[in-house]
Amino acid sequence: MTGALRRAVLDLLLLAAIRQAPGDGEAVRRLVREQAGSRFELSPGTLYPALHRLERNRLVRRSADDPRRYLLTEFGQRSLDRRRREWDGAVAGVNAVLTGRPR
């Protein structure tokens, strides 16, 4: 998997996890691991730079009540919805090729 694809998947996972259960980095990491059946083990060296990037890009923000807690912004929600549609289309296309059944 290329770096750009890995980053896109990571961002999609983090945005979806934060939408489901806003929390601190550790809570987000646990949610991703649990829901993905341990297929994604995010190290702090991967997780926190990604969260900071999402924050710089205004996709997430920190809670005023607890600065460790990440929240999805309205812009982040729209971005997540768009990325989800793109992901679903890409997966459908790949599956069509892998199974030999055109869409």
PDB file of N, CA and C in Angstrom:
ATOM      1  N   MET A   1       0.856  -1.167   0.000  1.00  0.00           N
ATOM      2  CA  MET A   1       0.000   0.000   0.000  1.00  0.00           C
ATOM      3  C   MET A   1       0.904   1.233   0.000  1.00  0.00           C
ATOM      4  N   THR A   2       0.645   2.174  -0.877  1.00  0.00           N
ATOM      5  CA  THR A   2       1.467   3.372  -0.963  1.00  0.00           C
ATOM      6  C   THR A   2       1.219   4.276   0.237  1.00  0.00           C
ATOM      7  N   GLY A   3       2.135   5.205   0.451  1.00  0.00           N
ATOM      8  CA  GLY A   3       1.993   6.142   1.563  1.00  0.00           C
ATOM      9  C   GLY A   3       0.725   6.962   1.468  1.00  0.00           C
ATOM     10  N   ALA A   4       0.378   7.418   0.267  1.00  0.00           N
ATOM     11  CA  ALA A   4      -0.822   8.237   0.096  1.00  0.00           C
ATOM     12  C   ALA A   4      -2.087   7.428   0.397  1.00  0.00           C
ATOM     13  N   LEU A   5      -2.119   6.192  -0.063  1.00  0.00           N
ATOM     14  CA  LEU A   5      -3.284   5.348   0.206  1.00  0.00           C
ATOM     15  C   LEU A   5      -3.370   5.018   1.685  1.00  0.00           C
ATOM     16  N   ARG A   6      -2.239   4.709   2.305  1.00  0.00           N
ATOM     17  CA  ARG A   6      -2.212   4.406   3.738  1.00  0.00           C
ATOM     18  C   ARG A   6      -2.735   5.602   4.538  1.00  0.00           C
ATOM     19  N   ARG A   7      -2.299   6.797   4.165  1.00  0.00           N
ATOM     20  CA  ARG A   7      -2.747   8.006   4.869  1.00  0.00           C
ATOM     21  C   ARG A   7      -4.244   8.220   4.683  1.00  0.00           C
ATOM     22  N   ALA A   8      -4.743   7.993   3.456  1.00  0.00           N
ATOM     23  CA  ALA A   8      -6.168   8.166   3.193  1.00  0.00           C
ATOM     24  C   ALA A   8      -7.004   7.192   4.015  1.00  0.00           C
ATOM     25  N   VAL A   9      -6.549   5.945   4.104  1.00  0.00           N
ATOM     26  CA  VAL A   9      -7.273   4.942   4.900  1.00  0.00           C
ATOM     27  C   VAL A   9      -7.217   5.313   6.378  1.00  0.00           C
ATOM     28  N   LEU A  10      -6.057   5.708   6.863  1.00  0.00           N
ATOM     29  CA  LEU A  10      -5.912   6.101   8.264  1.00  0.00           C
ATOM     30  C   LEU A  10      -6.832   7.267   8.592  1.00  0.00           C
ATOM     31  N   ASP A  11      -6.835   8.280   7.742  1.00  0.00           N
ATOM     32  CA  ASP A  11      -7.701   9.439   7.985  1.00  0.00           C
ATOM     33  C   ASP A  11      -9.166   9.030   8.008  1.00  0.00           C
ATOM     34  N   LEU A  12      -9.571   8.181   7.077  1.00  0.00           N
ATOM     35  CA  LEU A  12     -10.955   7.712   7.036  1.00  0.00           C
ATOM     36  C   LEU A  12     -11.314   6.972   8.324  1.00  0.00           C
ATOM     37  N   LEU A  13     -10.434   6.096   8.779  1.00  0.00           N
ATOM     38  CA  LEU A  13     -10.695   5.356  10.021  1.00  0.00           C
ATOM     39  C   LEU A  13     -10.800   6.286  11.226  1.00  0.00           C
ATOM     40  N   LEU A  14      -9.884   7.240  11.316  1.00  0.00           N
ATOM     41  CA  LEU A  14      -9.893   8.150  12.468  1.00  0.00           C
ATOM     42  C   LEU A  14     -11.115   9.051  12.467  1.00  0.00           C
ATOM     43  N   LEU A  15     -11.469   9.596  11.320  1.00  0.00           N
ATOM     44  CA  LEU A  15     -12.655  10.450  11.245  1.00  0.00           C
ATOM     45  C   LEU A  15     -13.911   9.670  11.620  1.00  0.00           C
ATOM     46  N   ALA A  16     -14.033   8.452  11.127  1.00  0.00           N
ATOM     47  CA  ALA A  16     -15.206   7.633  11.446  1.00  0.00           C
ATOM     48  C   ALA A  16     -15.248   7.292  12.932  1.00  0.00           C
ATOM     49  N   ALA A  17     -14.100   6.965  13.505  1.00  0.00           N
ATOM     50  CA  ALA A  17     -14.060   6.628  14.937  1.00  0.00           C
ATOM     51  C   ALA A  17     -14.424   7.832  15.792  1.00  0.00           C
ATOM     52  N   ILE A  18     -13.911   9.001  15.442  1.00  0.00           N
ATOM     53  CA  ILE A  18     -14.207  10.202  16.227  1.00  0.00           C
ATOM     54  C   ILE A  18     -15.675  10.578  16.086  1.00  0.00           C
ATOM     55  N   ARG A  19     -16.253  10.367  14.908  1.00  0.00           N
ATOM     56  CA  ARG A  19     -17.683  10.636  14.759  1.00  0.00           C
ATOM     57  C   ARG A  19     -18.496   9.719  15.673  1.00  0.00           C
ATOM     58  N   GLN A  20     -18.103   8.453  15.750  1.00  0.00           N
ATOM     59  CA  GLN A  20     -18.846   7.499  16.570  1.00  0.00           C
ATOM     60  C   GLN A  20     -18.714   7.781  18.059  1.00  0.00           C
ATOM     61  N   ALA A  21     -17.486   8.098  18.479  1.00  0.00           N
ATOM     62  CA  ALA A  21     -17.225   8.247  19.913  1.00  0.00           C
ATOM     63  C   ALA A  21     -16.077   9.232  20.121  1.00  0.00           C
ATOM     64  N   PRO A  22     -16.397  10.527  20.174  1.00  0.00           N
ATOM     65  CA  PRO A  22     -15.338  11.503  20.419  1.00  0.00           C
ATOM     66  C   PRO A  22     -14.573  11.132  21.692  1.00  0.00           C
ATOM     67  N   GLY A  23     -13.272  11.272  21.646  1.00  0.00           N
ATOM     68  CA  GLY A  23     -12.479  10.917  22.814  1.00  0.00           C
ATOM     69  C   GLY A  23     -11.030  11.302  22.631  1.00  0.00           C
ATOM     70  N   ASP A  24     -10.241  10.917  23.611  1.00  0.00           N
ATOM     71  CA  ASP A  24      -8.806  11.198  23.510  1.00  0.00           C
ATOM     72  C   ASP A  24      -8.173  10.212  22.534  1.00  0.00           C
ATOM     73  N   GLY A  25      -6.904  10.431  22.227  1.00  0.00           N
ATOM     74  CA  GLY A  25      -6.222   9.605  21.247  1.00  0.00           C
ATOM     75  C   GLY A  25      -6.277   8.122  21.573  1.00  0.00           C
ATOM     76  N   GLU A  26      -6.097   7.782  22.830  1.00  0.00           N
ATOM     77  CA  GLU A  26      -6.112   6.371  23.231  1.00  0.00           C
ATOM     78  C   GLU A  26      -7.487   5.750  23.006  1.00  0.00           C
ATOM     79  N   ALA A  27      -8.548   6.486  23.309  1.00  0.00           N
ATOM     80  CA  ALA A  27      -9.907   5.978  23.101  1.00  0.00           C
ATOM     81  C   ALA A  27     -10.173   5.765  21.610  1.00  0.00           C
ATOM     82  N   VAL A  28      -9.713   6.677  20.788  1.00  0.00           N
ATOM     83  CA  VAL A  28      -9.882   6.552  19.341  1.00  0.00           C
ATOM     84  C   VAL A  28      -9.104   5.334  18.842  1.00  0.00           C
ATOM     85  N   ARG A  29      -7.880   5.171  19.310  1.00  0.00           N
ATOM     86  CA  ARG A  29      -7.052   4.024  18.916  1.00  0.00           C
ATOM     87  C   ARG A  29      -7.726   2.708  19.288  1.00  0.00           C
ATOM     88  N   ARG A  30      -8.257   2.627  20.505  1.00  0.00           N
ATOM     89  CA  ARG A  30      -8.940   1.402  20.962  1.00  0.00           C
ATOM     90  C   ARG A  30     -10.161   1.093  20.105  1.00  0.00           C
ATOM     91  N   LEU A  31     -10.947   2.130  19.798  1.00  0.00           N
ATOM     92  CA  LEU A  31     -12.154   1.920  18.997  1.00  0.00           C
ATOM     93  C   LEU A  31     -11.803   1.371  17.616  1.00  0.00           C
ATOM     94  N   VAL A  32     -10.790   1.944  16.978  1.00  0.00           N
ATOM     95  CA  VAL A  32     -10.365   1.456  15.667  1.00  0.00           C
ATOM     96  C   VAL A  32      -9.919   0.002  15.772  1.00  0.00           C
ATOM     97  N   ARG A  33      -9.096  -0.303  16.765  1.00  0.00           N
ATOM     98  CA  ARG A  33      -8.591  -1.676  16.927  1.00  0.00           C
ATOM     99  C   ARG A  33      -9.741  -2.653  17.169  1.00  0.00           C
ATOM    100  N   GLU A  34     -10.658  -2.297  18.059  1.00  0.00           N
ATOM    101  CA  GLU A  34     -11.758  -3.200  18.399  1.00  0.00           C
ATOM    102  C   GLU A  34     -12.695  -3.416  17.226  1.00  0.00           C
ATOM    103  N   GLN A  35     -13.071  -2.349  16.546  1.00  0.00           N
ATOM    104  CA  GLN A  35     -14.030  -2.485  15.453  1.00  0.00           C
ATOM    105  C   GLN A  35     -13.404  -3.157  14.233  1.00  0.00           C
ATOM    106  N   ALA A  36     -12.110  -3.010  14.057  1.00  0.00           N
ATOM    107  CA  ALA A  36     -11.434  -3.626  12.913  1.00  0.00           C
ATOM    108  C   ALA A  36     -10.950  -5.031  13.230  1.00  0.00           C
ATOM    109  N   GLY A  37     -11.323  -5.559  14.384  1.00  0.00           N
ATOM    110  CA  GLY A  37     -10.901  -6.914  14.740  1.00  0.00           C
ATOM    111  C   GLY A  37      -9.395  -7.031  14.848  1.00  0.00           C
ATOM    112  N   SER A  38      -8.749  -6.027  15.398  1.00  0.00           N
ATOM    113  CA  SER A  38      -7.293  -5.979  15.595  1.00  0.00           C
ATOM    114  C   SER A  38      -6.507  -5.967  14.277  1.00  0.00           C
ATOM    115  N   ARG A  39      -7.163  -5.650  13.169  1.00  0.00           N
ATOM    116  CA  ARG A  39      -6.449  -5.564  11.884  1.00  0.00           C
ATOM    117  C   ARG A  39      -5.621  -4.291  11.783  1.00  0.00           C
ATOM    118  N   PHE A  40      -5.958  -3.295  12.602  1.00  0.00           N
ATOM    119  CA  PHE A  40      -5.237  -2.030  12.609  1.00  0.00           C
ATOM    120  C   PHE A  40      -4.729  -1.747  14.008  1.00  0.00           C
ATOM    121  N   GLU A  41      -3.452  -1.873  14.177  1.00  0.00           N
ATOM    122  CA  GLU A  41      -2.791  -1.538  15.435  1.00  0.00           C
ATOM    123  C   GLU A  41      -2.062  -0.217  15.214  1.00  0.00           C
ATOM    124  N   LEU A  42      -2.568   0.845  15.757  1.00  0.00           N
ATOM    125  CA  LEU A  42      -1.996   2.170  15.544  1.00  0.00           C
ATOM    126  C   LEU A  42      -1.036   2.504  16.666  1.00  0.00           C
ATOM    127  N   SER A  43       0.203   2.705  16.318  1.00  0.00           N
ATOM    128  CA  SER A  43       1.193   3.109  17.317  1.00  0.00           C
ATOM    129  C   SER A  43       1.022   4.596  17.593  1.00  0.00           C
ATOM    130  N   PRO A  44       1.468   5.077  18.754  1.00  0.00           N
ATOM    131  CA  PRO A  44       1.415   6.519  19.029  1.00  0.00           C
ATOM    132  C   PRO A  44       2.135   7.336  17.962  1.00  0.00           C
ATOM    133  N   GLY A  45       3.210   6.785  17.400  1.00  0.00           N
ATOM    134  CA  GLY A  45       3.962   7.490  16.368  1.00  0.00           C
ATOM    135  C   GLY A  45       3.210   7.628  15.053  1.00  0.00           C
ATOM    136  N   THR A  46       2.176   6.831  14.874  1.00  0.00           N
ATOM    137  CA  THR A  46       1.306   6.940  13.706  1.00  0.00           C
ATOM    138  C   THR A  46       0.048   7.737  14.049  1.00  0.00           C
ATOM    139  N   LEU A  47      -0.535   7.427  15.196  1.00  0.00           N
ATOM    140  CA  LEU A  47      -1.806   8.008  15.600  1.00  0.00           C
ATOM    141  C   LEU A  47      -1.732   9.517  15.811  1.00  0.00           C
ATOM    142  N   TYR A  48      -0.830   9.969  16.656  1.00  0.00           N
ATOM    143  CA  TYR A  48      -0.850  11.380  17.042  1.00  0.00           C
ATOM    144  C   TYR A  48      -0.462  12.330  15.911  1.00  0.00           C
ATOM    145  N   PRO A  49       0.521  11.992  15.080  1.00  0.00           N
ATOM    146  CA  PRO A  49       0.757  12.876  13.921  1.00  0.00           C
ATOM    147  C   PRO A  49      -0.471  12.953  13.004  1.00  0.00           C
ATOM    148  N   ALA A  50      -1.185  11.841  12.845  1.00  0.00           N
ATOM    149  CA  ALA A  50      -2.387  11.848  12.007  1.00  0.00           C
ATOM    150  C   ALA A  50      -3.475  12.717  12.639  1.00  0.00           C
ATOM    151  N   LEU A  51      -3.678  12.592  13.940  1.00  0.00           N
ATOM    152  CA  LEU A  51      -4.673  13.430  14.617  1.00  0.00           C
ATOM    153  C   LEU A  51      -4.303  14.907  14.509  1.00  0.00           C
ATOM    154  N   HIS A  52      -3.028  15.218  14.666  1.00  0.00           N
ATOM    155  CA  HIS A  52      -2.592  16.617  14.554  1.00  0.00           C
ATOM    156  C   HIS A  52      -2.792  17.132  13.129  1.00  0.00           C
ATOM    157  N   ARG A  53      -2.557  16.291  12.128  1.00  0.00           N
ATOM    158  CA  ARG A  53      -2.789  16.679  10.734  1.00  0.00           C
ATOM    159  C   ARG A  53      -4.269  16.956  10.503  1.00  0.00           C
ATOM    160  N   LEU A  54      -5.132  16.091  11.018  1.00  0.00           N
ATOM    161  CA  LEU A  54      -6.571  16.301  10.878  1.00  0.00           C
ATOM    162  C   LEU A  54      -7.000  17.590  11.574  1.00  0.00           C
ATOM    163  N   GLU A  55      -6.374  17.874  12.695  1.00  0.00           N
ATOM    164  CA  GLU A  55      -6.684  19.110  13.419  1.00  0.00           C
ATOM    165  C   GLU A  55      -6.218  20.332  12.615  1.00  0.00           C
ATOM    166  N   ARG A  56      -5.008  20.288  12.079  1.00  0.00           N
ATOM    167  CA  ARG A  56      -4.497  21.401  11.259  1.00  0.00           C
ATOM    168  C   ARG A  56      -5.385  21.649  10.048  1.00  0.00           C
ATOM    169  N   ASN A  57      -5.950  20.576   9.505  1.00  0.00           N
ATOM    170  CA  ASN A  57      -6.817  20.682   8.337  1.00  0.00           C
ATOM    171  C   ASN A  57      -8.272  20.978   8.703  1.00  0.00           C
ATOM    172  N   ARG A  58      -8.508  21.254   9.988  1.00  0.00           N
ATOM    173  CA  ARG A  58      -9.831  21.651  10.522  1.00  0.00           C
ATOM    174  C   ARG A  58     -10.898  20.565  10.364  1.00  0.00           C
ATOM    175  N   LEU A  59     -10.465  19.310  10.314  1.00  0.00           N
ATOM    176  CA  LEU A  59     -11.403  18.199  10.231  1.00  0.00           C
ATOM    177  C   LEU A  59     -11.826  17.745  11.624  1.00  0.00           C
ATOM    178  N   VAL A  60     -10.946  17.923  12.583  1.00  0.00           N
ATOM    179  CA  VAL A  60     -11.257  17.654  13.992  1.00  0.00           C
ATOM    180  C   VAL A  60     -10.796  18.858  14.810  1.00  0.00           C
ATOM    181  N   ARG A  61     -11.343  18.937  15.997  1.00  0.00           N
ATOM    182  CA  ARG A  61     -10.926  19.974  16.945  1.00  0.00           C
ATOM    183  C   ARG A  61     -10.903  19.356  18.322  1.00  0.00           C
ATOM    184  N   ARG A  62     -10.304  20.070  19.234  1.00  0.00           N
ATOM    185  CA  ARG A  62     -10.281  19.584  20.615  1.00  0.00           C
ATOM    186  C   ARG A  62     -11.417  20.217  21.391  1.00  0.00           C
ATOM    187  N   SER A  63     -11.955  19.467  22.307  1.00  0.00           N
ATOM    188  CA  SER A  63     -13.051  19.944  23.143  1.00  0.00           C
ATOM    189  C   SER A  63     -12.568  21.070  24.050  1.00  0.00           C
ATOM    190  N   ALA A  64     -13.387  22.084  24.215  1.00  0.00           N
ATOM    191  CA  ALA A  64     -13.049  23.182  25.121  1.00  0.00           C
ATOM    192  C   ALA A  64     -13.010  22.680  26.566  1.00  0.00           C
ATOM    193  N   ASP A  65     -13.847  21.694  26.889  1.00  0.00           N
ATOM    194  CA  ASP A  65     -13.912  21.147  28.242  1.00  0.00           C
ATOM    195  C   ASP A  65     -12.747  20.222  28.564  1.00  0.00           C
ATOM    196  N   ASP A  66     -12.272  19.511  27.566  1.00  0.00           N
ATOM    197  CA  ASP A  66     -11.172  18.563  27.760  1.00  0.00           C
ATOM    198  C   ASP A  66     -10.295  18.594  26.520  1.00  0.00           C
ATOM    199  N   PRO A  67      -9.191  19.320  26.539  1.00  0.00           N
ATOM    200  CA  PRO A  67      -8.367  19.471  25.338  1.00  0.00           C
ATOM    201  C   PRO A  67      -7.768  18.168  24.803  1.00  0.00           C
ATOM    202  N   ARG A  68      -7.836  17.088  25.569  1.00  0.00           N
ATOM    203  CA  ARG A  68      -7.358  15.799  25.061  1.00  0.00           C
ATOM    204  C   ARG A  68      -8.401  15.125  24.182  1.00  0.00           C
ATOM    205  N   ARG A  69      -9.646  15.571  24.278  1.00  0.00           N
ATOM    206  CA  ARG A  69     -10.770  14.942  23.575  1.00  0.00           C
ATOM    207  C   ARG A  69     -10.923  15.542  22.180  1.00  0.00           C
ATOM    208  N   TYR A  70     -10.929  14.669  21.164  1.00  0.00           N
ATOM    209  CA  TYR A  70     -11.088  15.094  19.776  1.00  0.00           C
ATOM    210  C   TYR A  70     -12.551  15.009  19.362  1.00  0.00           C
ATOM    211  N   LEU A  71     -12.994  16.039  18.649  1.00  0.00           N
ATOM    212  CA  LEU A  71     -14.360  16.119  18.137  1.00  0.00           C
ATOM    213  C   LEU A  71     -14.302  16.342  16.635  1.00  0.00           C
ATOM    214  N   LEU A  72     -15.274  15.823  15.928  1.00  0.00           N
ATOM    215  CA  LEU A  72     -15.369  16.036  14.488  1.00  0.00           C
ATOM    216  C   LEU A  72     -15.988  17.412  14.245  1.00  0.00           C
ATOM    217  N   THR A  73     -15.404  18.185  13.356  1.00  0.00           N
ATOM    218  CA  THR A  73     -15.982  19.476  12.995  1.00  0.00           C
ATOM    219  C   THR A  73     -17.051  19.258  11.921  1.00  0.00           C
ATOM    220  N   GLU A  74     -17.823  20.295  11.629  1.00  0.00           N
ATOM    221  CA  GLU A  74     -18.809  20.199  10.558  1.00  0.00           C
ATOM    222  C   GLU A  74     -18.102  19.932   9.226  1.00  0.00           C
ATOM    223  N   PHE A  75     -16.993  20.613   9.011  1.00  0.00           N
ATOM    224  CA  PHE A  75     -16.189  20.389   7.809  1.00  0.00           C
ATOM    225  C   PHE A  75     -15.678  18.947   7.778  1.00  0.00           C
ATOM    226  N   GLY A  76     -15.284  18.425   8.936  1.00  0.00           N
ATOM    227  CA  GLY A  76     -14.825  17.044   9.042  1.00  0.00           C
ATOM    228  C   GLY A  76     -15.932  16.056   8.713  1.00  0.00           C
ATOM    229  N   GLN A  77     -17.151  16.366   9.144  1.00  0.00           N
ATOM    230  CA  GLN A  77     -18.290  15.490   8.844  1.00  0.00           C
ATOM    231  C   GLN A  77     -18.559  15.447   7.345  1.00  0.00           C
ATOM    232  N   ARG A  78     -18.538  16.610   6.703  1.00  0.00           N
ATOM    233  CA  ARG A  78     -18.746  16.640   5.246  1.00  0.00           C
ATOM    234  C   ARG A  78     -17.630  15.895   4.527  1.00  0.00           C
ATOM    235  N   SER A  79     -16.406  16.076   4.999  1.00  0.00           N
ATOM    236  CA  SER A  79     -15.264  15.390   4.395  1.00  0.00           C
ATOM    237  C   SER A  79     -15.384  13.884   4.583  1.00  0.00           C
ATOM    238  N   LEU A  80     -15.784  13.460   5.763  1.00  0.00           N
ATOM    239  CA  LEU A  80     -15.966  12.029   6.020  1.00  0.00           C
ATOM    240  C   LEU A  80     -17.032  11.450   5.098  1.00  0.00           C
ATOM    241  N   ASP A  81     -18.144  12.150   4.934  1.00  0.00           N
ATOM    242  CA  ASP A  81     -19.208  11.661   4.050  1.00  0.00           C
ATOM    243  C   ASP A  81     -18.695  11.502   2.618  1.00  0.00           C
ATOM    244  N   ARG A  82     -17.945  12.496   2.131  1.00  0.00           N
ATOM    245  CA  ARG A  82     -17.397  12.450   0.775  1.00  0.00           C
ATOM    246  C   ARG A  82     -16.395  11.305   0.643  1.00  0.00           C
ATOM    247  N   ARG A  83     -15.494  11.199   1.617  1.00  0.00           N
ATOM    248  CA  ARG A  83     -14.474  10.140   1.579  1.00  0.00           C
ATOM    249  C   ARG A  83     -15.120   8.757   1.644  1.00  0.00           C
ATOM    250  N   ARG A  84     -16.182   8.639   2.396  1.00  0.00           N
ATOM    251  CA  ARG A  84     -16.887   7.353   2.512  1.00  0.00           C
ATOM    252  C   ARG A  84     -17.480   6.949   1.167  1.00  0.00           C
ATOM    253  N   ARG A  85     -18.092   7.907   0.464  1.00  0.00           N
ATOM    254  CA  ARG A  85     -18.649   7.605  -0.858  1.00  0.00           C
ATOM    255  C   ARG A  85     -17.538   7.185  -1.819  1.00  0.00           C
ATOM    256  N   GLU A  86     -16.416   7.898  -1.782  1.00  0.00           N
ATOM    257  CA  GLU A  86     -15.283   7.553  -2.644  1.00  0.00           C
ATOM    258  C   GLU A  86     -14.756   6.158  -2.309  1.00  0.00           C
ATOM    259  N   TRP A  87     -14.639   5.862  -1.015  1.00  0.00           N
ATOM    260  CA  TRP A  87     -14.148   4.553  -0.582  1.00  0.00           C
ATOM    261  C   TRP A  87     -15.077   3.444  -1.063  1.00  0.00           C
ATOM    262  N   ASP A  88     -16.389   3.633  -0.861  1.00  0.00           N
ATOM    263  CA  ASP A  88     -17.358   2.617  -1.280  1.00  0.00           C
ATOM    264  C   ASP A  88     -17.261   2.365  -2.783  1.00  0.00           C
ATOM    265  N   GLY A  89     -17.096   3.424  -3.567  1.00  0.00           N
ATOM    266  CA  GLY A  89     -16.954   3.267  -5.015  1.00  0.00           C
ATOM    267  C   GLY A  89     -15.685   2.530  -5.383  1.00  0.00           C
ATOM    268  N   ALA A  90     -14.584   2.870  -4.721  1.00  0.00           N
ATOM    269  CA  ALA A  90     -13.306   2.210  -5.010  1.00  0.00           C
ATOM    270  C   ALA A  90     -13.371   0.729  -4.646  1.00  0.00           C
ATOM    271  N   VAL A  91     -13.940   0.422  -3.497  1.00  0.00           N
ATOM    272  CA  VAL A  91     -14.049  -0.981  -3.071  1.00  0.00           C
ATOM    273  C   VAL A  91     -14.925  -1.760  -4.048  1.00  0.00           C
ATOM    274  N   ALA A  92     -16.026  -1.169  -4.483  1.00  0.00           N
ATOM    275  CA  ALA A  92     -16.901  -1.851  -5.440  1.00  0.00           C
ATOM    276  C   ALA A  92     -16.160  -2.115  -6.748  1.00  0.00           C
ATOM    277  N   GLY A  93     -15.383  -1.150  -7.198  1.00  0.00           N
ATOM    278  CA  GLY A  93     -14.625  -1.336  -8.432  1.00  0.00           C
ATOM    279  C   GLY A  93     -13.570  -2.421  -8.303  1.00  0.00           C
ATOM    280  N   VAL A  94     -12.846  -2.424  -7.206  1.00  0.00           N
ATOM    281  CA  VAL A  94     -11.819  -3.453  -6.983  1.00  0.00           C
ATOM    282  C   VAL A  94     -12.468  -4.823  -6.889  1.00  0.00           C
ATOM    283  N   ASN A  95     -13.568  -4.915  -6.144  1.00  0.00           N
ATOM    284  CA  ASN A  95     -14.255  -6.206  -6.014  1.00  0.00           C
ATOM    285  C   ASN A  95     -14.780  -6.704  -7.356  1.00  0.00           C
ATOM    286  N   ALA A  96     -15.234  -5.793  -8.205  1.00  0.00           N
ATOM    287  CA  ALA A  96     -15.726  -6.199  -9.521  1.00  0.00           C
ATOM    288  C   ALA A  96     -14.605  -6.827 -10.335  1.00  0.00           C
ATOM    289  N   VAL A  97     -13.418  -6.249 -10.271  1.00  0.00           N
ATOM    290  CA  VAL A  97     -12.279  -6.805 -11.007  1.00  0.00           C
ATOM    291  C   VAL A  97     -11.845  -8.131 -10.387  1.00  0.00           C
ATOM    292  N   LEU A  98     -11.751  -8.186  -9.065  1.00  0.00           N
ATOM    293  CA  LEU A  98     -11.294  -9.411  -8.395  1.00  0.00           C
ATOM    294  C   LEU A  98     -12.236 -10.586  -8.625  1.00  0.00           C
ATOM    295  N   THR A  99     -13.513 -10.312  -8.681  1.00  0.00           N
ATOM    296  CA  THR A  99     -14.486 -11.410  -8.853  1.00  0.00           C
ATOM    297  C   THR A  99     -14.846 -11.660 -10.302  1.00  0.00           C
ATOM    298  N   GLY A 100     -14.444 -10.748 -11.207  1.00  0.00           N
ATOM    299  CA  GLY A 100     -14.794 -10.900 -12.609  1.00  0.00           C
ATOM    300  C   GLY A 100     -16.250 -10.584 -12.894  1.00  0.00           C
ATOM    301  N   ARG A 101     -16.884  -9.860 -11.984  1.00  0.00           N
ATOM    302  CA  ARG A 101     -18.290  -9.476 -12.158  1.00  0.00           C
ATOM    303  C   ARG A 101     -18.378  -7.957 -12.270  1.00  0.00           C
ATOM    304  N   PRO A 102     -18.522  -7.445 -13.481  1.00  0.00           N
ATOM    305  CA  PRO A 102     -18.611  -5.994 -13.655  1.00  0.00           C
ATOM    306  C   PRO A 102     -19.760  -5.400 -12.865  1.00  0.00           C
ATOM    307  N   ARG A 103     -19.571  -4.169 -12.507  1.00  0.00           N
ATOM    308  CA  ARG A 103     -20.598  -3.459 -11.717  1.00  0.00           C
ATOM    309  C   ARG A 103     -21.849  -3.229 -12.506  1.00  0.00           C
TER     310      ARG A 103
END
